[in-house]
Protein backbone atom coordinates (compact mmCIF):
# COMPACT_ATOMS: atom_id res chain seq x y z
CA MET A 1 -57.71 -41.67 84.85
CA ILE A 2 -54.44 -41.77 82.87
CA LEU A 3 -52.54 -42.31 86.13
CA PHE A 4 -54.62 -45.37 86.94
CA TYR A 5 -53.85 -46.92 83.56
CA LEU A 6 -50.19 -45.97 83.85
CA ILE A 7 -49.83 -47.62 87.24
CA GLN A 8 -51.62 -50.73 85.94
CA ALA A 9 -49.32 -50.86 82.89
CA VAL A 10 -46.21 -50.54 85.07
CA ARG A 11 -47.43 -53.33 87.34
CA GLN A 12 -47.96 -55.62 84.35
CA SER A 13 -44.63 -54.75 82.72
CA GLY A 14 -42.61 -56.31 85.54
CA ASN A 15 -41.20 -52.98 86.79
CA ARG A 16 -43.38 -53.04 89.90
CA ASN A 17 -40.39 -52.63 92.20
CA LYS A 18 -39.46 -49.42 90.36
CA ILE A 19 -42.75 -47.63 90.94
CA GLY A 20 -42.07 -47.42 94.68
CA ILE A 21 -44.24 -44.85 96.38
CA MET A 22 -45.94 -43.88 93.11
CA ASP A 23 -48.21 -46.86 93.68
CA GLU A 24 -49.42 -45.29 96.91
CA ASN A 25 -49.40 -41.58 96.07
CA LYS A 26 -50.75 -40.46 92.72
CA TYR A 27 -50.09 -36.82 93.62
CA LEU A 28 -46.35 -37.39 93.89
CA LEU A 29 -46.50 -39.27 90.58
CA THR A 30 -48.29 -36.33 88.96
CA LYS A 31 -45.78 -33.84 90.35
CA MET A 32 -42.83 -35.95 89.20
CA MET A 33 -44.29 -36.39 85.73
CA ALA A 34 -44.97 -32.66 85.39
CA LYS A 35 -41.39 -31.86 86.35
CA ARG A 36 -40.03 -34.37 83.82
CA ALA A 37 -42.34 -33.07 81.06
CA LYS A 38 -41.07 -29.54 81.74
CA GLN A 39 -37.48 -30.81 81.43
CA LEU A 40 -38.30 -32.38 78.07
CA PHE A 41 -40.06 -29.21 76.90
CA ALA A 42 -36.94 -27.22 77.85
CA GLY A 43 -34.77 -29.45 75.68
CA ALA A 44 -33.78 -32.47 77.78
CA LYS A 45 -33.19 -35.66 75.82
CA PRO A 46 -35.69 -38.52 76.22
CA LEU A 47 -34.42 -41.55 78.12
CA ILE A 48 -36.11 -43.90 75.65
CA LYS A 49 -36.44 -44.24 71.91
CA THR A 50 -39.84 -42.97 70.87
CA LYS A 51 -41.65 -41.60 67.87
CA SER A 52 -43.65 -39.23 70.05
CA LYS A 53 -42.76 -35.54 70.07
CA LYS A 54 -45.05 -34.57 72.96
CA PRO A 55 -43.30 -34.20 76.34
CA VAL A 56 -46.18 -35.66 78.35
CA ALA A 57 -46.44 -38.73 76.10
CA ILE A 58 -42.68 -39.26 76.34
CA THR A 59 -42.85 -38.93 80.12
CA LEU A 60 -45.62 -41.53 80.31
CA GLU A 61 -43.52 -43.94 78.27
CA GLU A 62 -40.44 -43.29 80.41
CA VAL A 63 -42.36 -44.06 83.61
CA LYS A 64 -43.96 -47.14 82.09
CA GLU A 65 -40.55 -48.49 81.04
CA GLY A 66 -39.09 -47.79 84.49
CA LYS A 67 -36.62 -45.15 83.30
CA ILE A 68 -37.87 -42.53 85.77
CA PHE A 69 -39.41 -43.28 89.11
CA LEU A 70 -39.79 -42.03 92.65
CA LYS A 71 -37.79 -43.53 95.46
CA GLU A 72 -38.68 -43.37 99.11
CA PRO A 73 -36.48 -40.85 100.95
CA ASN A 74 -33.74 -42.23 103.16
CA ASN A 75 -34.53 -41.61 106.80
C-alpha cells in the first residue's frame, strides 16, 4: 500500500521521468528501497535534508524527491 502512495506522490511531484521502470514493477522498487535503507542503516549519508532518523522513512523521501531511482538497463 505504501508503494502505491509513493508512486502516486512521485507522479504528482513532477519527477515522473525519474521513476522509470519503478512505475511498472513494484518488486524492483521494493528491492531498490530495501537496499538503500540497508545502506542508510550501515551509516550512509542521506541524499536529502530530513528530520527523520528512520532509514525506511528517509528512503521513501529520497525516492519521492527523485534522488534515487531505477533506470532501465542499457541493451
